[in-house]
Amino acid sequence: MSTTDEDVLEAAKALGEELTQTQSEAADSEFKTILDECTEAISEETGIQYDDACDTDGCC
């Protein structure tokens, strides 16, 4: 199955919206765990170390 740039952008936007909602509902430590898991999943799926690509010390 082919993924277009538009599909990727839509998925990223949806993930961002979900994370924003989760952040407002979760404790800081819970949210950090979720964000770390998302970062790891993105890295595994894309083969790119997401935190390196964002030039951060942890997650984006």
N, C-alpha and C. Protein backbone atom coordinates (compact mmCIF):
# COMPACT_ATOMS: atom_id res chain seq x y z
N MET A 1 0.85 -1.18 0.00
CA MET A 1 0.00 0.00 0.00
C MET A 1 0.89 1.23 0.00
N SER A 2 0.58 2.18 -0.84
CA SER A 2 1.36 3.41 -0.96
C SER A 2 0.80 4.48 -0.02
N THR A 3 1.71 5.20 0.59
CA THR A 3 1.32 6.29 1.49
C THR A 3 1.75 7.61 0.87
N THR A 4 0.81 8.51 0.70
CA THR A 4 1.13 9.80 0.12
C THR A 4 1.55 10.78 1.22
N ASP A 5 2.19 11.85 0.79
CA ASP A 5 2.57 12.89 1.74
C ASP A 5 1.35 13.43 2.48
N GLU A 6 0.25 13.55 1.77
CA GLU A 6 -0.98 14.05 2.39
C GLU A 6 -1.46 13.10 3.49
N ASP A 7 -1.38 11.80 3.24
CA ASP A 7 -1.77 10.80 4.24
C ASP A 7 -0.90 10.93 5.49
N VAL A 8 0.40 11.10 5.27
CA VAL A 8 1.33 11.21 6.39
C VAL A 8 1.03 12.47 7.19
N LEU A 9 0.79 13.58 6.51
CA LEU A 9 0.48 14.83 7.21
C LEU A 9 -0.83 14.73 7.98
N GLU A 10 -1.82 14.07 7.40
CA GLU A 10 -3.09 13.88 8.11
C GLU A 10 -2.90 13.02 9.36
N ALA A 11 -2.10 11.97 9.24
CA ALA A 11 -1.84 11.10 10.40
C ALA A 11 -1.08 11.87 11.47
N ALA A 12 -0.11 12.68 11.07
CA ALA A 12 0.66 13.48 12.04
C ALA A 12 -0.23 14.49 12.74
N LYS A 13 -1.12 15.11 12.00
CA LYS A 13 -2.05 16.08 12.59
C LYS A 13 -2.97 15.38 13.60
N ALA A 14 -3.49 14.22 13.23
CA ALA A 14 -4.37 13.47 14.13
C ALA A 14 -3.63 13.07 15.40
N LEU A 15 -2.37 12.62 15.24
CA LEU A 15 -1.58 12.26 16.41
C LEU A 15 -1.35 13.48 17.29
N GLY A 16 -1.03 14.61 16.69
CA GLY A 16 -0.83 15.83 17.46
C GLY A 16 -2.07 16.23 18.25
N GLU A 17 -3.23 16.11 17.62
CA GLU A 17 -4.48 16.44 18.30
C GLU A 17 -4.74 15.48 19.46
N GLU A 18 -4.49 14.20 19.24
CA GLU A 18 -4.67 13.20 20.31
C GLU A 18 -3.71 13.48 21.47
N LEU A 19 -2.46 13.82 21.15
CA LEU A 19 -1.48 14.11 22.21
C LEU A 19 -1.86 15.36 22.98
N THR A 20 -2.38 16.36 22.30
CA THR A 20 -2.82 17.58 22.98
C THR A 20 -3.94 17.27 23.95
N GLN A 21 -4.89 16.46 23.52
CA GLN A 21 -6.00 16.06 24.39
C GLN A 21 -5.49 15.25 25.59
N THR A 22 -4.61 14.32 25.30
CA THR A 22 -4.05 13.48 26.37
C THR A 22 -3.27 14.30 27.37
N GLN A 23 -2.51 15.27 26.88
CA GLN A 23 -1.71 16.11 27.77
C GLN A 23 -2.59 16.87 28.74
N SER A 24 -3.75 17.32 28.28
CA SER A 24 -4.64 18.07 29.16
C SER A 24 -5.31 17.18 30.21
N GLU A 25 -5.34 15.87 29.95
CA GLU A 25 -6.04 14.95 30.85
C GLU A 25 -5.10 14.12 31.73
N ALA A 26 -3.84 14.00 31.34
CA ALA A 26 -2.92 13.10 32.04
C ALA A 26 -1.97 13.87 32.96
N ALA A 27 -1.49 13.17 33.96
CA ALA A 27 -0.43 13.73 34.80
C ALA A 27 0.84 13.86 33.96
N ASP A 28 1.72 14.77 34.36
CA ASP A 28 2.95 15.00 33.60
C ASP A 28 3.74 13.72 33.37
N SER A 29 3.88 12.90 34.40
CA SER A 29 4.67 11.67 34.25
C SER A 29 3.99 10.69 33.29
N GLU A 30 2.66 10.61 33.34
CA GLU A 30 1.93 9.74 32.41
C GLU A 30 2.10 10.23 30.98
N PHE A 31 2.00 11.54 30.79
CA PHE A 31 2.12 12.09 29.45
C PHE A 31 3.53 11.87 28.89
N LYS A 32 4.54 12.04 29.72
CA LYS A 32 5.92 11.82 29.27
C LYS A 32 6.10 10.37 28.81
N THR A 33 5.52 9.42 29.54
CA THR A 33 5.60 8.02 29.15
C THR A 33 4.93 7.80 27.80
N ILE A 34 3.77 8.36 27.62
CA ILE A 34 3.04 8.22 26.35
C ILE A 34 3.84 8.85 25.21
N LEU A 35 4.40 10.02 25.44
CA LEU A 35 5.18 10.70 24.43
C LEU A 35 6.43 9.90 24.06
N ASP A 36 7.09 9.33 25.07
CA ASP A 36 8.26 8.48 24.82
C ASP A 36 7.87 7.27 23.96
N GLU A 37 6.71 6.67 24.26
CA GLU A 37 6.24 5.51 23.50
C GLU A 37 5.93 5.90 22.05
N CYS A 38 5.34 7.06 21.86
CA CYS A 38 5.05 7.54 20.50
C CYS A 38 6.34 7.78 19.74
N THR A 39 7.30 8.40 20.38
CA THR A 39 8.59 8.67 19.75
C THR A 39 9.26 7.37 19.32
N GLU A 40 9.23 6.37 20.19
CA GLU A 40 9.82 5.07 19.88
C GLU A 40 9.09 4.41 18.72
N ALA A 41 7.77 4.47 18.72
CA ALA A 41 6.98 3.86 17.64
C ALA A 41 7.26 4.54 16.30
N ILE A 42 7.37 5.86 16.31
CA ILE A 42 7.68 6.59 15.08
C ILE A 42 9.07 6.18 14.58
N SER A 43 10.03 6.10 15.48
CA SER A 43 11.39 5.70 15.10
C SER A 43 11.41 4.29 14.50
N GLU A 44 10.69 3.36 15.13
CA GLU A 44 10.64 1.98 14.62
C GLU A 44 9.97 1.92 13.25
N GLU A 45 8.90 2.67 13.07
CA GLU A 45 8.14 2.63 11.82
C GLU A 45 8.91 3.28 10.67
N THR A 46 9.58 4.37 10.94
CA THR A 46 10.24 5.13 9.88
C THR A 46 11.70 4.75 9.68
N GLY A 47 12.31 4.16 10.71
CA GLY A 47 13.73 3.87 10.64
C GLY A 47 14.59 5.09 10.93
N ILE A 48 13.96 6.15 11.34
CA ILE A 48 14.66 7.40 11.67
C ILE A 48 14.57 7.59 13.18
N GLN A 49 15.70 7.88 13.80
CA GLN A 49 15.66 8.19 15.22
C GLN A 49 15.00 9.56 15.38
N TYR A 50 13.73 9.54 15.73
CA TYR A 50 12.90 10.74 15.74
C TYR A 50 13.48 11.82 16.64
N ASP A 51 13.98 11.45 17.82
CA ASP A 51 14.52 12.48 18.71
C ASP A 51 15.80 13.09 18.14
N ASP A 52 16.61 12.33 17.39
CA ASP A 52 17.79 12.90 16.72
C ASP A 52 17.37 13.86 15.62
N ALA A 53 16.35 13.49 14.87
CA ALA A 53 15.87 14.33 13.77
C ALA A 53 15.35 15.66 14.30
N CYS A 54 14.80 15.65 15.49
CA CYS A 54 14.25 16.88 16.08
C CYS A 54 15.30 17.65 16.87
N ASP A 55 16.49 17.05 16.99
CA ASP A 55 17.60 17.69 17.72
C ASP A 55 17.21 17.99 19.17
N THR A 56 16.66 16.97 19.84
CA THR A 56 16.27 17.10 21.24
C THR A 56 17.01 16.08 22.07
N ASP A 57 16.94 16.23 23.38
CA ASP A 57 17.57 15.28 24.28
C ASP A 57 16.64 14.15 24.68
N GLY A 58 15.43 14.19 24.23
CA GLY A 58 14.49 13.15 24.63
C GLY A 58 13.53 12.87 23.49
N CYS A 59 12.39 13.51 23.54
CA CYS A 59 11.40 13.30 22.50
C CYS A 59 10.92 14.64 21.98
N CYS A 60 10.26 14.61 20.87
CA CYS A 60 9.78 15.85 20.25
C CYS A 60 8.48 16.30 20.89
